[in-house]
Amino acid sequence: MKSIINYLLGMVLLIAGTRVNAQDNKSSFTNLLNNYINIKNALVAGDGTKAKFEASAFLTLLNSPGSSSIQSEKPKLQESARKIAASTDLKLQREAFAGLSDSMAKLAKSNGSAAQAIYIDYCPMKKAYWLSLDKAIKNPYYGNSMLTCGNISDTIQR
């Protein structure tokens, strides 16, 4: 009888731990996504200083203890975010942002952890993608010079 109770108690704890881990994964991805959006918005506005600051914050968040759900893309995320954080040159930042966007799109598709729809937008001039939480196109690769250039190529519904 004791072994059955211990087994059941162990199963309850295992299930509870899995649920907490799923919440940690969701929270970790959501926090990264929100910070990614801050980088994107800075690039849309043509603000290299703000993009640098937000990329540094992204790196801090990425390097903090978090979920295992981002591990597959973590090295690529770090590399791209470091390049953005190392400069205020918009051209260099926008080049690195393409890599950051590719990795974030992979995480968004595999995580299934977004609180709202995520739009994967595409810039045909740059031949690069970016993520957005809004349907309105605001191109981070060209900013004001081609603000609405692009289209929604995919939507991740949650």
N, C-alpha and C. Protein backbone atom coordinates (compact mmCIF):
# COMPACT_ATOMS: atom_id res chain seq x y z
N MET A 1 0.82 -1.19 0.00
CA MET A 1 0.00 0.00 0.00
C MET A 1 0.87 1.27 0.00
N LYS A 2 1.93 1.25 0.84
CA LYS A 2 2.82 2.41 0.89
C LYS A 2 3.48 2.65 -0.46
N SER A 3 3.86 1.56 -1.14
CA SER A 3 4.53 1.74 -2.43
C SER A 3 3.58 2.33 -3.47
N ILE A 4 2.30 1.99 -3.41
CA ILE A 4 1.33 2.55 -4.33
C ILE A 4 1.15 4.04 -4.06
N ILE A 5 1.06 4.40 -2.79
CA ILE A 5 0.92 5.81 -2.41
C ILE A 5 2.17 6.59 -2.83
N ASN A 6 3.34 6.02 -2.58
CA ASN A 6 4.59 6.69 -2.99
C ASN A 6 4.66 6.85 -4.50
N TYR A 7 4.21 5.80 -5.23
CA TYR A 7 4.20 5.88 -6.69
C TYR A 7 3.26 6.98 -7.16
N LEU A 8 2.05 7.02 -6.61
CA LEU A 8 1.08 8.05 -7.00
C LEU A 8 1.58 9.44 -6.65
N LEU A 9 2.16 9.58 -5.47
CA LEU A 9 2.72 10.87 -5.07
C LEU A 9 3.83 11.29 -6.03
N GLY A 10 4.69 10.35 -6.41
CA GLY A 10 5.76 10.63 -7.36
C GLY A 10 5.22 11.07 -8.71
N MET A 11 4.15 10.42 -9.17
CA MET A 11 3.54 10.78 -10.45
C MET A 11 2.94 12.19 -10.40
N VAL A 12 2.28 12.51 -9.29
CA VAL A 12 1.70 13.85 -9.13
C VAL A 12 2.81 14.90 -9.17
N LEU A 13 3.91 14.64 -8.47
CA LEU A 13 5.02 15.59 -8.47
C LEU A 13 5.66 15.71 -9.85
N LEU A 14 5.76 14.61 -10.58
CA LEU A 14 6.32 14.63 -11.92
C LEU A 14 5.45 15.45 -12.86
N ILE A 15 4.14 15.24 -12.79
CA ILE A 15 3.21 15.99 -13.62
C ILE A 15 3.25 17.47 -13.27
N ALA A 16 3.28 17.78 -11.99
CA ALA A 16 3.34 19.17 -11.55
C ALA A 16 4.64 19.82 -12.03
N GLY A 17 5.73 19.09 -11.93
CA GLY A 17 7.02 19.61 -12.39
C GLY A 17 7.03 19.86 -13.88
N THR A 18 6.39 18.98 -14.64
CA THR A 18 6.29 19.17 -16.09
C THR A 18 5.48 20.41 -16.41
N ARG A 19 4.41 20.62 -15.67
CA ARG A 19 3.56 21.80 -15.90
C ARG A 19 4.34 23.08 -15.59
N VAL A 20 5.09 23.09 -14.48
CA VAL A 20 5.90 24.26 -14.12
C VAL A 20 6.96 24.50 -15.20
N ASN A 21 7.60 23.42 -15.70
CA ASN A 21 8.61 23.56 -16.74
C ASN A 21 8.00 24.13 -18.02
N ALA A 22 6.79 23.70 -18.36
CA ALA A 22 6.11 24.24 -19.54
C ALA A 22 5.84 25.72 -19.36
N GLN A 23 5.45 26.14 -18.16
CA GLN A 23 5.23 27.56 -17.89
C GLN A 23 6.54 28.33 -17.99
N ASP A 24 7.65 27.74 -17.47
CA ASP A 24 8.95 28.39 -17.57
C ASP A 24 9.36 28.56 -19.03
N ASN A 25 9.12 27.52 -19.86
CA ASN A 25 9.43 27.61 -21.29
C ASN A 25 8.64 28.74 -21.93
N LYS A 26 7.35 28.81 -21.62
CA LYS A 26 6.48 29.84 -22.19
C LYS A 26 6.97 31.22 -21.76
N SER A 27 7.24 31.37 -20.48
CA SER A 27 7.69 32.66 -19.95
C SER A 27 9.03 33.07 -20.56
N SER A 28 9.95 32.12 -20.68
CA SER A 28 11.27 32.40 -21.24
C SER A 28 11.15 32.87 -22.69
N PHE A 29 10.39 32.15 -23.48
CA PHE A 29 10.22 32.52 -24.89
C PHE A 29 9.50 33.86 -25.01
N THR A 30 8.45 34.07 -24.22
CA THR A 30 7.69 35.31 -24.28
C THR A 30 8.58 36.50 -23.94
N ASN A 31 9.41 36.36 -22.93
CA ASN A 31 10.33 37.44 -22.56
C ASN A 31 11.32 37.73 -23.68
N LEU A 32 11.87 36.69 -24.30
CA LEU A 32 12.79 36.89 -25.42
C LEU A 32 12.07 37.55 -26.60
N LEU A 33 10.86 37.08 -26.87
CA LEU A 33 10.09 37.65 -27.98
C LEU A 33 9.82 39.13 -27.75
N ASN A 34 9.42 39.49 -26.55
CA ASN A 34 9.15 40.90 -26.25
C ASN A 34 10.40 41.75 -26.42
N ASN A 35 11.55 41.23 -26.00
CA ASN A 35 12.79 41.98 -26.15
C ASN A 35 13.20 42.05 -27.62
N TYR A 36 12.99 40.97 -28.35
CA TYR A 36 13.25 40.96 -29.80
C TYR A 36 12.43 42.06 -30.48
N ILE A 37 11.16 42.18 -30.09
CA ILE A 37 10.28 43.20 -30.66
C ILE A 37 10.83 44.59 -30.38
N ASN A 38 11.42 44.78 -29.20
CA ASN A 38 12.05 46.08 -28.88
C ASN A 38 13.21 46.38 -29.83
N ILE A 39 14.00 45.37 -30.15
CA ILE A 39 15.10 45.55 -31.11
C ILE A 39 14.52 45.91 -32.48
N LYS A 40 13.51 45.15 -32.91
CA LYS A 40 12.88 45.40 -34.20
C LYS A 40 12.35 46.83 -34.27
N ASN A 41 11.66 47.26 -33.23
CA ASN A 41 11.08 48.61 -33.22
C ASN A 41 12.16 49.69 -33.29
N ALA A 42 13.29 49.46 -32.63
CA ALA A 42 14.40 50.42 -32.70
C ALA A 42 14.94 50.49 -34.12
N LEU A 43 15.04 49.36 -34.80
CA LEU A 43 15.51 49.35 -36.19
C LEU A 43 14.50 50.00 -37.13
N VAL A 44 13.23 49.78 -36.89
CA VAL A 44 12.18 50.44 -37.68
C VAL A 44 12.33 51.96 -37.54
N ALA A 45 12.59 52.42 -36.33
CA ALA A 45 12.73 53.86 -36.06
C ALA A 45 14.08 54.41 -36.51
N GLY A 46 14.99 53.53 -36.92
CA GLY A 46 16.32 54.00 -37.35
C GLY A 46 17.18 54.46 -36.20
N ASP A 47 16.97 53.89 -35.02
CA ASP A 47 17.69 54.29 -33.81
C ASP A 47 18.72 53.22 -33.44
N GLY A 48 19.94 53.38 -33.96
CA GLY A 48 21.00 52.42 -33.71
C GLY A 48 21.42 52.33 -32.26
N THR A 49 21.36 53.45 -31.55
CA THR A 49 21.72 53.45 -30.13
C THR A 49 20.72 52.62 -29.32
N LYS A 50 19.44 52.81 -29.60
CA LYS A 50 18.41 52.04 -28.91
C LYS A 50 18.50 50.56 -29.28
N ALA A 51 18.76 50.25 -30.54
CA ALA A 51 18.91 48.86 -30.97
C ALA A 51 20.08 48.20 -30.23
N LYS A 52 21.17 48.95 -30.07
CA LYS A 52 22.33 48.44 -29.34
C LYS A 52 21.95 48.13 -27.89
N PHE A 53 21.26 49.06 -27.25
CA PHE A 53 20.83 48.88 -25.86
C PHE A 53 19.90 47.67 -25.73
N GLU A 54 18.93 47.56 -26.63
CA GLU A 54 17.96 46.46 -26.56
C GLU A 54 18.62 45.11 -26.85
N ALA A 55 19.61 45.09 -27.74
CA ALA A 55 20.34 43.85 -28.01
C ALA A 55 21.15 43.42 -26.79
N SER A 56 21.70 44.37 -26.07
CA SER A 56 22.42 44.04 -24.83
C SER A 56 21.46 43.46 -23.80
N ALA A 57 20.27 44.03 -23.70
CA ALA A 57 19.25 43.49 -22.78
C ALA A 57 18.82 42.10 -23.22
N PHE A 58 18.70 41.88 -24.52
CA PHE A 58 18.35 40.57 -25.07
C PHE A 58 19.41 39.54 -24.66
N LEU A 59 20.68 39.90 -24.79
CA LEU A 59 21.77 39.00 -24.40
C LEU A 59 21.72 38.66 -22.92
N THR A 60 21.44 39.66 -22.09
CA THR A 60 21.34 39.42 -20.65
C THR A 60 20.23 38.42 -20.38
N LEU A 61 19.10 38.62 -21.00
CA LEU A 61 17.96 37.72 -20.83
C LEU A 61 18.28 36.33 -21.36
N LEU A 62 18.91 36.27 -22.49
CA LEU A 62 19.27 35.00 -23.12
C LEU A 62 20.24 34.21 -22.26
N ASN A 63 21.14 34.90 -21.57
CA ASN A 63 22.16 34.23 -20.76
C ASN A 63 21.73 33.97 -19.32
N SER A 64 20.53 34.42 -18.96
CA SER A 64 20.05 34.13 -17.60
C SER A 64 19.52 32.70 -17.56
N PRO A 65 19.47 32.12 -16.37
CA PRO A 65 18.93 30.75 -16.28
C PRO A 65 17.51 30.73 -16.85
N GLY A 66 17.26 29.81 -17.73
CA GLY A 66 15.96 29.77 -18.36
C GLY A 66 15.62 28.39 -18.84
N SER A 67 14.72 28.34 -19.75
CA SER A 67 14.20 27.07 -20.22
C SER A 67 15.15 26.39 -21.19
N SER A 68 14.93 25.12 -21.35
CA SER A 68 15.71 24.34 -22.30
C SER A 68 15.17 24.51 -23.72
N SER A 69 14.01 25.12 -23.87
CA SER A 69 13.38 25.23 -25.19
C SER A 69 14.14 26.15 -26.13
N ILE A 70 15.02 26.99 -25.62
CA ILE A 70 15.77 27.90 -26.50
C ILE A 70 17.18 27.41 -26.79
N GLN A 71 17.57 26.32 -26.18
CA GLN A 71 18.95 25.86 -26.29
C GLN A 71 19.38 25.58 -27.73
N SER A 72 18.48 25.07 -28.55
CA SER A 72 18.86 24.72 -29.92
C SER A 72 19.29 25.95 -30.74
N GLU A 73 18.72 27.09 -30.45
CA GLU A 73 19.03 28.31 -31.20
C GLU A 73 19.91 29.29 -30.42
N LYS A 74 20.22 28.95 -29.20
CA LYS A 74 20.93 29.90 -28.33
C LYS A 74 22.25 30.41 -28.93
N PRO A 75 23.12 29.55 -29.47
CA PRO A 75 24.38 30.08 -30.03
C PRO A 75 24.14 31.07 -31.18
N LYS A 76 23.18 30.79 -32.05
CA LYS A 76 22.89 31.69 -33.17
C LYS A 76 22.29 33.00 -32.67
N LEU A 77 21.40 32.90 -31.67
CA LEU A 77 20.81 34.10 -31.07
C LEU A 77 21.89 34.97 -30.45
N GLN A 78 22.81 34.34 -29.72
CA GLN A 78 23.89 35.08 -29.07
C GLN A 78 24.77 35.78 -30.10
N GLU A 79 25.13 35.06 -31.16
CA GLU A 79 26.00 35.64 -32.19
C GLU A 79 25.36 36.86 -32.84
N SER A 80 24.10 36.73 -33.22
CA SER A 80 23.42 37.85 -33.87
C SER A 80 23.21 39.02 -32.92
N ALA A 81 22.78 38.74 -31.71
CA ALA A 81 22.54 39.81 -30.73
C ALA A 81 23.84 40.53 -30.37
N ARG A 82 24.94 39.78 -30.28
CA ARG A 82 26.24 40.41 -29.99
C ARG A 82 26.64 41.39 -31.09
N LYS A 83 26.39 41.01 -32.33
CA LYS A 83 26.73 41.89 -33.45
C LYS A 83 25.91 43.18 -33.38
N ILE A 84 24.64 43.06 -33.03
CA ILE A 84 23.79 44.26 -32.92
C ILE A 84 24.25 45.12 -31.74
N ALA A 85 24.59 44.46 -30.64
CA ALA A 85 25.00 45.18 -29.42
C ALA A 85 26.38 45.81 -29.55
N ALA A 86 27.17 45.37 -30.52
CA ALA A 86 28.55 45.86 -30.66
C ALA A 86 28.67 47.12 -31.48
N SER A 87 27.57 47.60 -32.03
CA SER A 87 27.66 48.74 -32.94
C SER A 87 26.40 49.60 -32.87
N THR A 88 26.52 50.82 -33.35
CA THR A 88 25.34 51.66 -33.55
C THR A 88 25.11 51.89 -35.04
N ASP A 89 25.89 51.21 -35.88
CA ASP A 89 25.77 51.31 -37.33
C ASP A 89 24.53 50.52 -37.76
N LEU A 90 23.52 51.23 -38.25
CA LEU A 90 22.25 50.59 -38.63
C LEU A 90 22.44 49.52 -39.70
N LYS A 91 23.31 49.75 -40.64
CA LYS A 91 23.52 48.76 -41.71
C LYS A 91 24.01 47.44 -41.12
N LEU A 92 25.00 47.50 -40.24
CA LEU A 92 25.52 46.28 -39.59
C LEU A 92 24.45 45.64 -38.70
N GLN A 93 23.74 46.46 -37.95
CA GLN A 93 22.70 45.93 -37.07
C GLN A 93 21.61 45.23 -37.85
N ARG A 94 21.22 45.82 -38.96
CA ARG A 94 20.15 45.23 -39.78
C ARG A 94 20.60 43.92 -40.42
N GLU A 95 21.87 43.84 -40.79
CA GLU A 95 22.40 42.57 -41.32
C GLU A 95 22.31 41.48 -40.25
N ALA A 96 22.73 41.80 -39.05
CA ALA A 96 22.70 40.82 -37.95
C ALA A 96 21.27 40.48 -37.54
N PHE A 97 20.37 41.44 -37.70
CA PHE A 97 18.97 41.23 -37.33
C PHE A 97 18.32 40.12 -38.16
N ALA A 98 18.77 39.96 -39.39
CA ALA A 98 18.23 38.89 -40.24
C ALA A 98 18.49 37.53 -39.61
N GLY A 99 19.70 37.32 -39.09
CA GLY A 99 20.03 36.05 -38.42
C GLY A 99 19.25 35.88 -37.13
N LEU A 100 19.13 36.96 -36.38
CA LEU A 100 18.36 36.92 -35.14
C LEU A 100 16.90 36.54 -35.44
N SER A 101 16.37 37.11 -36.50
CA SER A 101 14.98 36.84 -36.89
C SER A 101 14.77 35.39 -37.30
N ASP A 102 15.72 34.83 -38.05
CA ASP A 102 15.61 33.43 -38.46
C ASP A 102 15.55 32.51 -37.25
N SER A 103 16.41 32.74 -36.29
CA SER A 103 16.43 31.91 -35.08
C SER A 103 15.18 32.09 -34.24
N MET A 104 14.72 33.32 -34.12
CA MET A 104 13.50 33.57 -33.35
C MET A 104 12.28 32.93 -34.03
N ALA A 105 12.25 32.93 -35.36
CA ALA A 105 11.14 32.29 -36.08
C ALA A 105 11.14 30.79 -35.82
N LYS A 106 12.31 30.16 -35.81
CA LYS A 106 12.39 28.73 -35.51
C LYS A 106 11.86 28.45 -34.11
N LEU A 107 12.26 29.28 -33.16
CA LEU A 107 11.77 29.10 -31.79
C LEU A 107 10.26 29.31 -31.70
N ALA A 108 9.76 30.31 -32.39
CA ALA A 108 8.32 30.59 -32.36
C ALA A 108 7.53 29.41 -32.92
N LYS A 109 8.04 28.83 -33.98
CA LYS A 109 7.34 27.69 -34.60
C LYS A 109 7.42 26.44 -33.73
N SER A 110 8.54 26.23 -33.07
CA SER A 110 8.70 25.00 -32.28
C SER A 110 8.15 25.12 -30.86
N ASN A 111 8.13 26.32 -30.33
CA ASN A 111 7.70 26.51 -28.95
C ASN A 111 6.21 26.37 -28.75
N GLY A 112 5.46 26.96 -29.63
CA GLY A 112 4.02 26.96 -29.42
C GLY A 112 3.66 27.65 -28.12
N SER A 113 4.38 28.70 -27.77
CA SER A 113 4.24 29.30 -26.45
C SER A 113 3.91 30.78 -26.48
N ALA A 114 3.31 31.24 -27.52
CA ALA A 114 3.02 32.68 -27.58
C ALA A 114 1.63 32.97 -27.03
N ALA A 115 1.51 34.09 -26.35
CA ALA A 115 0.22 34.49 -25.78
C ALA A 115 -0.71 35.06 -26.83
N GLN A 116 -0.16 35.44 -27.97
CA GLN A 116 -0.96 36.02 -29.05
C GLN A 116 -0.38 35.59 -30.38
N ALA A 117 -1.04 35.96 -31.46
CA ALA A 117 -0.55 35.61 -32.80
C ALA A 117 0.80 36.28 -33.05
N ILE A 118 1.66 35.53 -33.73
CA ILE A 118 2.95 36.05 -34.14
C ILE A 118 2.96 36.03 -35.67
N TYR A 119 3.25 37.16 -36.26
CA TYR A 119 3.30 37.27 -37.72
C TYR A 119 4.74 37.17 -38.17
N ILE A 120 4.98 36.32 -39.15
CA ILE A 120 6.30 36.23 -39.75
C ILE A 120 6.22 37.02 -41.06
N ASP A 121 6.89 38.15 -41.06
CA ASP A 121 6.85 39.06 -42.19
C ASP A 121 8.07 38.85 -43.08
N TYR A 122 7.93 39.22 -44.34
CA TYR A 122 9.00 39.01 -45.31
C TYR A 122 9.26 40.28 -46.11
N CYS A 123 10.53 40.62 -46.24
CA CYS A 123 10.94 41.75 -47.06
C CYS A 123 11.54 41.21 -48.36
N PRO A 124 10.86 41.41 -49.50
CA PRO A 124 11.38 40.89 -50.77
C PRO A 124 12.65 41.60 -51.24
N MET A 125 12.84 42.84 -50.84
CA MET A 125 14.05 43.58 -51.24
C MET A 125 15.28 43.02 -50.52
N LYS A 126 15.14 42.73 -49.25
CA LYS A 126 16.23 42.22 -48.43
C LYS A 126 16.31 40.69 -48.51
N LYS A 127 15.19 40.07 -48.89
CA LYS A 127 15.06 38.62 -48.89
C LYS A 127 15.29 38.07 -47.48
N ALA A 128 14.61 38.72 -46.53
CA ALA A 128 14.77 38.36 -45.12
C ALA A 128 13.44 38.48 -44.40
N TYR A 129 13.33 37.74 -43.31
CA TYR A 129 12.12 37.70 -42.51
C TYR A 129 12.30 38.48 -41.21
N TRP A 130 11.18 38.77 -40.55
CA TRP A 130 11.19 39.30 -39.19
C TRP A 130 9.87 38.93 -38.54
N LEU A 131 9.83 38.98 -37.22
CA LEU A 131 8.62 38.67 -36.47
C LEU A 131 7.94 39.95 -36.03
N SER A 132 6.62 39.89 -35.96
CA SER A 132 5.84 41.03 -35.51
C SER A 132 4.63 40.54 -34.73
N LEU A 133 4.16 41.36 -33.83
CA LEU A 133 2.93 41.06 -33.10
C LEU A 133 1.75 41.82 -33.69
N ASP A 134 2.02 42.62 -34.72
CA ASP A 134 0.99 43.43 -35.39
C ASP A 134 0.88 43.01 -36.85
N LYS A 135 -0.32 43.12 -37.39
CA LYS A 135 -0.51 42.83 -38.81
C LYS A 135 0.11 43.89 -39.71
N ALA A 136 0.18 45.12 -39.23
CA ALA A 136 0.73 46.21 -40.03
C ALA A 136 2.21 45.97 -40.29
N ILE A 137 2.61 46.13 -41.53
CA ILE A 137 4.02 45.95 -41.91
C ILE A 137 4.81 47.19 -41.54
N LYS A 138 5.87 46.98 -40.77
CA LYS A 138 6.83 48.03 -40.44
C LYS A 138 8.21 47.39 -40.59
N ASN A 139 8.84 47.70 -41.70
CA ASN A 139 10.06 47.04 -42.13
C ASN A 139 11.29 47.50 -41.34
N PRO A 140 11.91 46.60 -40.57
CA PRO A 140 13.10 46.97 -39.80
C PRO A 140 14.37 47.04 -40.64
N TYR A 141 14.33 46.49 -41.85
CA TYR A 141 15.53 46.46 -42.69
C TYR A 141 15.77 47.76 -43.45
N TYR A 142 14.70 48.51 -43.68
CA TYR A 142 14.84 49.76 -44.42
C TYR A 142 14.24 50.96 -43.68
N GLY A 143 13.55 50.73 -42.58
CA GLY A 143 13.00 51.83 -41.79
C GLY A 143 12.14 52.76 -42.61
N ASN A 144 12.28 54.05 -42.41
CA ASN A 144 11.43 55.05 -43.07
C ASN A 144 11.54 55.07 -44.59
N SER A 145 12.65 54.63 -45.13
CA SER A 145 12.80 54.68 -46.59
C SER A 145 11.89 53.67 -47.30
N MET A 146 11.51 52.59 -46.63
CA MET A 146 10.60 51.59 -47.21
C MET A 146 9.78 50.97 -46.08
N LEU A 147 9.17 51.80 -45.29
CA LEU A 147 8.51 51.36 -44.05
C LEU A 147 7.49 50.26 -44.26
N THR A 148 6.70 50.32 -45.29
CA THR A 148 5.62 49.34 -45.46
C THR A 148 5.94 48.28 -46.51
N CYS A 149 7.21 48.19 -46.91
CA CYS A 149 7.62 47.18 -47.87
C CYS A 149 7.64 45.82 -47.19
N GLY A 150 6.91 44.87 -47.72
CA GLY A 150 6.91 43.53 -47.18
C GLY A 150 5.50 42.96 -47.11
N ASN A 151 5.42 41.73 -46.67
CA ASN A 151 4.13 41.09 -46.51
C ASN A 151 4.20 40.03 -45.41
N ILE A 152 3.05 39.61 -44.94
CA ILE A 152 2.97 38.55 -43.94
C ILE A 152 3.12 37.23 -44.68
N SER A 153 4.14 36.46 -44.34
CA SER A 153 4.34 35.18 -45.02
C SER A 153 3.78 34.01 -44.22
N ASP A 154 3.60 34.19 -42.92
CA ASP A 154 3.07 33.12 -42.08
C ASP A 154 2.53 33.72 -40.79
N THR A 155 1.59 33.02 -40.19
CA THR A 155 1.04 33.44 -38.90
C THR A 155 1.06 32.25 -37.96
N ILE A 156 1.60 32.45 -36.79
CA ILE A 156 1.59 31.41 -35.77
C ILE A 156 0.49 31.78 -34.79
N GLN A 157 -0.59 31.03 -34.81
CA GLN A 157 -1.73 31.29 -33.93
C GLN A 157 -1.59 30.51 -32.64
N ARG A 158 -1.95 31.14 -31.55
CA ARG A 158 -1.94 30.47 -30.25
C ARG A 158 -3.23 30.70 -29.55
